[in-house]
Amino acid sequence: MQIGVFSVSDITTDPTTGRTPTENERIKAAVAIAKKVEEIGMDVFALGEHHNRPFFSSSPTTTLAYIAAQTERITLSTATTLITTNDPVKIAEDFAMLQHLADGRVDLVLGRGNTAPVYPWFGKNIQDGVELAIENYSLLRRLWDEDTVNWSGKFRTPLQNFTSTPRPLDGVAPFVWHGSIRTPQIAEVAAYYGDGFFANNIFWPKEHYQQLIGMYRERYEHYGHGKADQAIVGLGGQFFMRKNSQDAVKEFRPYFDNAPVYGHGPSLEDFTSQTPLTVGSPQEVIEKTLTFREYFGDYQRQLFLIDHAGLPLKTVLEQLDLFGEEVLPVLRKEYAALKPSHVPDPPTHAGRVAALMASPAPETAPSEA
């Protein structure tokens, strides 16, 4: 099991002080969080993509490359890369470049995003969102898998004898997760290609994600990639911890009540009872996280959202220290004990290169006499 952190890159006023961090502060905070993720022994740091306020992360690959230069072990990923409004050629090039710089410690989550105005900003129509996602990913796959691409489609100019550079490191493209909150077609695409499926698992009750993940698993088996329980699944989640549960609730309540993402709606108590959010002690975080496996089956990646809602960097780093000390060792032990032997490990660059080297060479046609 890979365990890590993902950020949606929001810039939110701290309701306890009235202070709003600058873009520079939040960008530098993302770097500090990623370095702390590696320090405490977690596995993944992922960063979202947005092109509107109040978010800062318009260029995740730039930030992740900077982080790659200051880390040695963690996988660097995106929480969402917009497959609908980014040019597939640019995605292919940017992530292959990042892959080389990070020595393979790179994968990405592709999605449609949740900001409607981004479509016209990049010359697209939101009504074409699903079609764009399907066509653009088909082209992206070819750009990574084929040295020379001849292609024509509906939404961009044709390509003739085009080679995306640099080529993927060791001949293996970055692993792709497809992220979706509500779109079955995205789960279908993930299953068709044998890619991973990432459910952000934040705002909705478990039944909502059970439907999407269940469909993805069923279709993964249908397309012959393995049994349904061998499909590659990632989940989000979120927590706020203190040693004492009451202290956690008291400290987090003003952030919850005022956060744009879920403030002024259900109470903190209702939200924590109906969604994956845990506000409490380390033991409560452990217990709730372990229930995810009961609801969704064995899975490969667990990422937590912890730097949102105006929480200051100091508090976020304290959360990570507490997680590393009291939660991470227990989750690792429990996940290892529960994982069936036939369920695959999380995808890594090294593992995928080894699988490629071990696969039989394609048969060649016999030469004519």
Protein backbone atom coordinates (compact mmCIF):
# COMPACT_ATOMS: atom_id res chain seq x y z
CA MET A 1 0.00 0.00 0.00
CA GLN A 2 1.23 3.45 -0.93
CA ILE A 3 0.26 6.08 1.62
CA GLY A 4 0.63 9.77 0.97
CA VAL A 5 -0.77 13.27 0.74
CA PHE A 6 -2.57 15.19 -1.97
CA SER A 7 -3.23 18.92 -2.17
CA VAL A 8 -5.89 20.82 -4.10
CA SER A 9 -3.72 23.96 -3.76
CA ASP A 10 -6.36 26.27 -2.30
CA ILE A 11 -5.46 29.67 -0.87
CA THR A 12 -7.91 30.15 1.99
CA THR A 13 -8.10 32.70 4.79
CA ASP A 14 -7.28 31.33 8.23
CA PRO A 15 -10.56 31.98 10.11
CA THR A 16 -8.80 32.09 13.48
CA THR A 17 -6.47 34.94 12.50
CA GLY A 18 -8.14 36.55 9.48
CA ARG A 19 -4.89 36.23 7.54
CA THR A 20 -4.75 34.98 3.96
CA PRO A 21 -1.43 33.46 2.84
CA THR A 22 0.16 34.79 -0.31
CA GLU A 23 0.59 32.71 -3.45
CA ASN A 24 4.31 32.56 -2.74
CA GLU A 25 3.72 31.27 0.77
CA ARG A 26 1.36 28.53 -0.39
CA ILE A 27 3.69 27.47 -3.20
CA LYS A 28 6.61 27.23 -0.80
CA ALA A 29 4.35 25.44 1.72
CA ALA A 30 3.62 22.72 -0.86
CA VAL A 31 7.34 22.08 -1.16
CA ALA A 32 7.76 21.94 2.62
CA ILE A 33 4.85 19.50 2.92
CA ALA A 34 6.27 17.23 0.23
CA LYS A 35 9.65 17.14 1.98
CA LYS A 36 7.93 16.31 5.28
CA VAL A 37 6.00 13.52 3.54
CA GLU A 38 9.32 11.93 2.60
CA GLU A 39 10.85 12.60 6.02
CA ILE A 40 8.15 10.73 7.94
CA GLY A 41 8.21 7.73 5.59
CA MET A 42 5.11 8.25 3.48
CA ASP A 43 5.19 7.28 -0.19
CA VAL A 44 3.40 9.83 -2.40
CA PHE A 45 2.94 13.57 -2.76
CA ALA A 46 0.32 14.69 -5.29
CA LEU A 47 -0.65 18.17 -6.42
CA GLY A 48 -3.81 19.32 -8.20
CA GLU A 49 -4.18 21.52 -11.27
CA HIS A 50 -6.27 24.70 -11.28
CA HIS A 51 -6.25 27.82 -13.41
CA ASN A 52 -8.44 30.04 -11.27
CA ARG A 53 -8.40 31.70 -7.90
CA PRO A 54 -8.32 30.80 -5.06
CA PHE A 55 -5.85 28.12 -6.19
CA PHE A 56 -2.16 28.39 -7.00
CA SER A 57 -1.25 25.21 -8.86
CA SER A 58 -1.52 26.04 -12.54
CA SER A 59 1.69 24.16 -13.42
CA PRO A 60 2.03 21.01 -11.31
CA THR A 61 4.94 19.56 -13.29
CA THR A 62 7.05 22.65 -12.58
CA THR A 63 6.42 22.34 -8.86
CA LEU A 64 6.95 18.59 -8.84
CA ALA A 65 10.24 18.92 -10.71
CA TYR A 66 11.45 21.36 -8.05
CA ILE A 67 10.38 18.90 -5.36
CA ALA A 68 12.07 16.03 -7.20
CA ALA A 69 15.40 17.84 -6.89
CA GLN A 70 14.98 17.96 -3.11
CA THR A 71 13.71 14.44 -2.46
CA GLU A 72 15.01 10.95 -3.11
CA ARG A 73 12.27 8.41 -2.57
CA ILE A 74 8.66 9.60 -2.76
CA THR A 75 6.50 9.22 -5.85
CA LEU A 76 5.46 12.57 -7.31
CA SER A 77 1.99 12.67 -8.77
CA THR A 78 -0.88 14.94 -9.62
CA ALA A 79 -4.22 15.04 -7.87
CA THR A 80 -5.73 15.97 -11.24
CA THR A 81 -4.20 16.71 -14.62
CA LEU A 82 -6.84 18.15 -16.92
CA ILE A 83 -7.05 15.73 -19.84
CA THR A 84 -9.86 17.80 -21.36
CA THR A 85 -8.20 21.21 -21.73
CA ASN A 86 -4.51 20.35 -21.88
CA ASP A 87 -3.02 19.37 -25.23
CA PRO A 88 -2.12 15.65 -25.10
CA VAL A 89 1.18 16.45 -26.82
CA LYS A 90 2.13 18.80 -24.00
CA ILE A 91 1.06 16.31 -21.32
CA ALA A 92 3.18 13.62 -23.00
CA GLU A 93 6.22 15.88 -23.16
CA ASP A 94 5.90 17.45 -19.70
CA PHE A 95 5.49 14.19 -17.82
CA ALA A 96 8.17 12.34 -19.76
CA MET A 97 10.55 15.20 -18.94
CA LEU A 98 9.55 15.07 -15.27
CA GLN A 99 9.99 11.30 -15.35
CA HIS A 100 13.61 11.68 -16.48
CA LEU A 101 14.39 14.39 -13.92
CA ALA A 102 12.85 12.37 -11.08
CA ASP A 103 14.42 9.04 -12.10
CA GLY A 104 11.01 7.49 -12.70
CA ARG A 105 9.33 8.64 -9.47
CA VAL A 106 6.34 10.00 -11.37
CA ASP A 107 2.75 9.11 -12.15
CA LEU A 108 -0.38 11.17 -12.71
CA VAL A 109 -4.13 11.31 -12.18
CA LEU A 110 -6.10 12.38 -15.24
CA GLY A 111 -9.51 13.97 -14.86
CA ARG A 112 -11.96 16.49 -16.23
CA GLY A 113 -11.70 18.83 -13.25
CA ASN A 114 -14.57 20.63 -11.53
CA THR A 115 -14.19 24.21 -12.80
CA ALA A 116 -16.55 24.90 -15.71
CA PRO A 117 -14.93 28.19 -16.91
CA VAL A 118 -11.63 26.42 -17.61
CA TYR A 119 -13.05 25.05 -20.85
CA PRO A 120 -13.51 28.35 -22.73
CA TRP A 121 -10.26 29.67 -21.24
CA PHE A 122 -8.49 26.96 -23.24
CA GLY A 123 -10.74 27.14 -26.28
CA LYS A 124 -12.90 24.12 -25.41
CA ASN A 125 -16.60 23.49 -24.85
CA ILE A 126 -17.69 21.91 -21.57
CA GLN A 127 -20.39 20.01 -23.45
CA ASP A 128 -17.57 18.08 -25.12
CA GLY A 129 -15.97 17.18 -21.78
CA VAL A 130 -16.37 13.40 -21.88
CA GLU A 131 -15.55 13.15 -25.59
CA LEU A 132 -12.45 15.31 -25.05
CA ALA A 133 -11.31 13.09 -22.20
CA ILE A 134 -11.68 9.93 -24.27
CA GLU A 135 -10.09 11.26 -27.47
CA ASN A 136 -7.26 13.10 -25.75
CA TYR A 137 -6.29 10.10 -23.67
CA SER A 138 -6.31 7.83 -26.71
CA LEU A 139 -3.83 10.17 -28.34
CA LEU A 140 -1.72 10.52 -25.19
CA ARG A 141 -1.36 6.75 -24.97
CA ARG A 142 -0.15 6.57 -28.54
CA LEU A 143 2.31 9.43 -28.04
CA TRP A 144 3.92 7.52 -25.19
CA ASP A 145 3.69 4.02 -26.66
CA GLU A 146 4.65 4.71 -30.30
CA ASP A 147 7.80 6.39 -31.55
CA THR A 148 6.08 7.85 -34.62
CA VAL A 149 2.44 8.88 -34.54
CA ASN A 150 0.09 9.63 -37.42
CA TRP A 151 -3.24 10.72 -36.00
CA SER A 152 -6.39 12.69 -36.73
CA GLY A 153 -9.36 13.37 -34.51
CA LYS A 154 -12.22 15.72 -33.77
CA PHE A 155 -10.73 18.23 -31.34
CA ARG A 156 -7.21 19.09 -32.48
CA THR A 157 -5.18 19.37 -35.66
CA PRO A 158 -3.81 16.11 -37.11
CA LEU A 159 -0.30 14.83 -36.43
CA GLN A 160 1.90 13.50 -39.21
CA ASN A 161 5.07 11.52 -38.47
CA PHE A 162 5.24 13.11 -35.03
CA THR A 163 7.53 11.93 -32.23
CA SER A 164 6.95 13.18 -28.71
CA THR A 165 10.20 14.04 -26.94
CA PRO A 166 11.73 13.09 -24.66
CA ARG A 167 10.65 9.48 -24.91
CA PRO A 168 9.41 7.86 -21.67
CA LEU A 169 12.19 6.79 -19.34
CA ASP A 170 13.31 3.17 -19.92
CA GLY A 171 10.55 2.81 -22.52
CA VAL A 172 7.87 2.83 -19.82
CA ALA A 173 5.36 5.68 -19.68
CA PRO A 174 4.28 7.15 -16.34
CA PHE A 175 1.52 5.11 -14.73
CA VAL A 176 -1.89 6.70 -15.21
CA TRP A 177 -4.74 6.85 -12.72
CA HIS A 178 -8.09 8.16 -13.94
CA GLY A 179 -9.91 10.27 -11.38
CA SER A 180 -13.64 10.79 -11.29
CA ILE A 181 -16.21 12.02 -8.81
CA ARG A 182 -19.31 11.11 -10.80
CA THR A 183 -18.57 10.08 -14.41
CA PRO A 184 -18.95 6.36 -15.27
CA GLN A 185 -17.32 6.87 -18.68
CA ILE A 186 -14.02 7.75 -16.97
CA ALA A 187 -14.13 4.54 -14.97
CA GLU A 188 -14.77 2.73 -18.25
CA VAL A 189 -11.69 4.31 -19.85
CA ALA A 190 -9.54 3.30 -16.90
CA ALA A 191 -10.79 -0.27 -17.13
CA TYR A 192 -10.36 -0.48 -20.91
CA TYR A 193 -6.67 0.45 -20.76
CA GLY A 194 -5.94 -1.47 -17.57
CA ASP A 195 -5.00 1.76 -15.82
CA GLY A 196 -5.67 2.74 -12.23
CA PHE A 197 -8.86 4.37 -10.96
CA PHE A 198 -8.64 7.05 -8.26
CA ALA A 199 -11.72 8.06 -6.26
CA ASN A 200 -11.12 11.27 -4.34
CA ASN A 201 -13.35 9.94 -1.53
CA ILE A 202 -13.85 13.27 0.21
CA PHE A 203 -17.28 14.83 -0.11
CA TRP A 204 -19.62 11.93 -0.76
CA PRO A 205 -20.93 8.98 1.28
CA LYS A 206 -19.27 5.63 0.67
CA GLU A 207 -22.19 4.33 -1.40
CA HIS A 208 -21.43 6.88 -4.12
CA TYR A 209 -17.87 5.66 -4.60
CA GLN A 210 -18.82 2.02 -4.18
CA GLN A 211 -20.83 2.29 -7.40
CA LEU A 212 -17.99 3.85 -9.43
CA ILE A 213 -15.29 1.56 -8.07
CA GLY A 214 -17.52 -1.49 -8.43
CA MET A 215 -18.16 -0.64 -12.07
CA TYR A 216 -14.46 -0.06 -12.73
CA ARG A 217 -13.53 -3.42 -11.17
CA GLU A 218 -16.18 -5.27 -13.18
CA ARG A 219 -15.08 -3.70 -16.46
CA TYR A 220 -11.37 -4.22 -15.66
CA GLU A 221 -12.08 -7.95 -15.52
CA HIS A 222 -14.28 -7.76 -18.62
CA TYR A 223 -11.36 -6.36 -20.63
CA GLY A 224 -9.10 -9.19 -19.53
CA HIS A 225 -6.62 -7.37 -17.31
CA GLY A 226 -7.20 -9.64 -14.31
CA LYS A 227 -9.85 -10.45 -11.75
CA ALA A 228 -12.05 -7.65 -10.47
CA ASP A 229 -10.31 -7.64 -7.10
CA GLN A 230 -6.96 -7.19 -8.85
CA ALA A 231 -7.92 -3.84 -10.38
CA ILE A 232 -5.71 -0.92 -9.35
CA VAL A 233 -7.65 1.41 -7.03
CA GLY A 234 -6.62 4.56 -5.21
CA LEU A 235 -8.61 6.46 -2.59
CA GLY A 236 -8.55 9.89 -1.07
CA GLY A 237 -9.49 10.82 2.46
CA GLN A 238 -8.96 13.59 4.97
CA PHE A 239 -8.24 13.98 8.65
CA PHE A 240 -7.41 16.42 11.41
CA MET A 241 -5.73 14.96 14.47
CA ARG A 242 -4.65 15.83 17.94
CA LYS A 243 -3.62 13.45 20.71
CA ASN A 244 -6.98 14.11 22.32
CA SER A 245 -10.13 13.85 20.23
CA GLN A 246 -11.86 16.79 21.92
CA ASP A 247 -8.88 19.03 21.21
CA ALA A 248 -8.98 18.06 17.53
CA VAL A 249 -12.67 18.91 17.20
CA LYS A 250 -12.31 22.22 19.03
CA GLU A 251 -9.32 23.32 16.94
CA PHE A 252 -10.65 22.22 13.56
CA ARG A 253 -14.24 23.45 13.92
CA PRO A 254 -13.64 27.08 12.84
CA TYR A 255 -11.73 25.85 9.77
CA PHE A 256 -14.53 23.48 8.84
CA ASP A 257 -17.29 26.00 9.46
CA ASN A 258 -15.69 28.65 7.24
CA ALA A 259 -14.00 26.61 4.51
CA PRO A 260 -15.37 27.36 1.02
CA VAL A 261 -15.26 23.68 0.11
CA TYR A 262 -17.68 22.53 2.81
CA GLY A 263 -18.39 25.38 5.21
CA HIS A 264 -21.88 26.71 5.89
CA GLY A 265 -23.41 23.32 5.09
CA PRO A 266 -23.79 20.21 7.26
CA SER A 267 -22.38 20.34 10.77
CA LEU A 268 -18.92 18.97 11.45
CA GLU A 269 -20.49 16.06 13.31
CA ASP A 270 -22.83 15.21 10.42
CA PHE A 271 -20.07 15.54 7.85
CA THR A 272 -17.68 13.25 9.72
CA SER A 273 -20.42 10.66 10.19
CA GLN A 274 -21.43 10.67 6.52
CA THR A 275 -18.09 11.11 4.71
CA PRO A 276 -14.48 9.89 5.08
CA LEU A 277 -13.41 13.01 7.06
CA THR A 278 -11.98 12.06 10.46
CA VAL A 279 -11.50 14.68 13.15
CA GLY A 280 -10.16 13.12 16.31
CA SER A 281 -7.37 11.07 17.78
CA PRO A 282 -4.77 9.00 15.90
CA GLN A 283 -6.66 5.85 16.84
CA GLU A 284 -9.84 7.21 15.30
CA VAL A 285 -7.97 7.98 12.07
CA ILE A 286 -6.61 4.43 12.02
CA GLU A 287 -10.00 2.84 12.64
CA LYS A 288 -11.87 4.86 10.02
CA THR A 289 -9.18 4.47 7.37
CA LEU A 290 -9.18 0.70 7.79
CA THR A 291 -12.92 0.62 7.06
CA PHE A 292 -12.21 1.81 3.52
CA ARG A 293 -10.99 -1.66 2.60
CA GLU A 294 -14.28 -3.14 3.85
CA TYR A 295 -16.28 -0.81 1.60
CA PHE A 296 -14.14 -0.75 -1.55
CA GLY A 297 -12.03 -3.93 -1.48
CA ASP A 298 -8.25 -4.23 -1.42
CA TYR A 299 -6.61 -1.21 -2.96
CA GLN A 300 -3.15 0.14 -3.73
CA ARG A 301 -2.97 3.81 -2.80
CA GLN A 302 -4.33 5.94 0.05
CA LEU A 303 -3.86 9.71 -0.12
CA PHE A 304 -5.00 12.24 2.47
CA LEU A 305 -5.99 15.88 2.05
CA ILE A 306 -4.58 17.83 5.02
CA ASP A 307 -3.47 21.31 3.89
CA HIS A 308 -6.79 22.91 2.97
CA ALA A 309 -9.32 25.24 4.61
CA GLY A 310 -6.79 27.84 5.70
CA LEU A 311 -4.79 25.60 8.03
CA PRO A 312 -1.36 27.18 8.63
CA LEU A 313 1.74 25.32 7.48
CA LYS A 314 2.91 24.82 11.07
CA THR A 315 -0.29 22.94 11.87
CA VAL A 316 -0.08 20.83 8.72
CA LEU A 317 3.49 19.77 9.53
CA GLU A 318 2.41 18.91 13.10
CA GLN A 319 -0.33 16.72 11.61
CA LEU A 320 2.22 14.90 9.50
CA ASP A 321 4.59 14.35 12.42
CA LEU A 322 1.76 12.86 14.47
CA PHE A 323 0.68 10.73 11.54
CA GLY A 324 4.21 9.43 11.04
CA GLU A 325 4.62 8.58 14.70
CA GLU A 326 1.28 6.99 15.54
CA VAL A 327 -0.75 6.21 12.42
CA LEU A 328 1.56 5.26 9.57
CA PRO A 329 3.25 2.26 11.29
CA VAL A 330 -0.11 0.78 12.26
CA LEU A 331 -1.65 1.25 8.81
CA ARG A 332 1.38 -0.34 7.15
CA LYS A 333 1.19 -3.35 9.45
CA GLU A 334 -2.55 -3.80 9.04
CA TYR A 335 -2.58 -3.37 5.27
CA ALA A 336 0.28 -5.85 4.88
CA ALA A 337 -1.50 -8.43 7.05
CA LEU A 338 -4.83 -8.05 5.23
CA LYS A 339 -3.60 -8.01 1.62
CA PRO A 340 -4.26 -11.28 -0.28
CA SER A 341 -1.29 -12.61 -2.21
CA HIS A 342 -3.04 -12.39 -5.58
CA VAL A 343 -3.77 -8.66 -5.27
CA PRO A 344 -1.04 -6.69 -7.08
CA ASP A 345 1.30 -4.29 -5.36
CA PRO A 346 1.08 -0.58 -6.14
CA PRO A 347 2.51 0.26 -9.57
CA THR A 348 6.02 1.72 -9.55
CA HIS A 349 8.40 2.61 -12.34
CA ALA A 350 10.90 -0.05 -11.27
CA GLY A 351 8.23 -2.71 -11.09
CA ARG A 352 6.82 -1.84 -14.49
CA VAL A 353 10.28 -1.82 -16.10
CA ALA A 354 10.94 -5.26 -14.60
CA ALA A 355 7.63 -6.54 -15.97
CA LEU A 356 8.49 -5.18 -19.41
CA MET A 357 11.89 -6.87 -19.37
CA ALA A 358 10.32 -10.16 -18.28
CA SER A 359 7.62 -10.15 -20.96
CA PRO A 360 8.29 -12.29 -24.02
CA ALA A 361 9.46 -10.51 -27.13
CA PRO A 362 6.80 -10.19 -29.85
CA GLU A 363 6.91 -12.90 -32.47
CA THR A 364 8.26 -11.89 -35.87
CA ALA A 365 6.87 -13.15 -39.12
CA PRO A 366 9.05 -15.79 -40.79
CA SER A 367 11.15 -14.42 -43.63
CA GLU A 368 10.15 -15.39 -47.14
CA ALA A 369 12.39 -17.73 -49.09
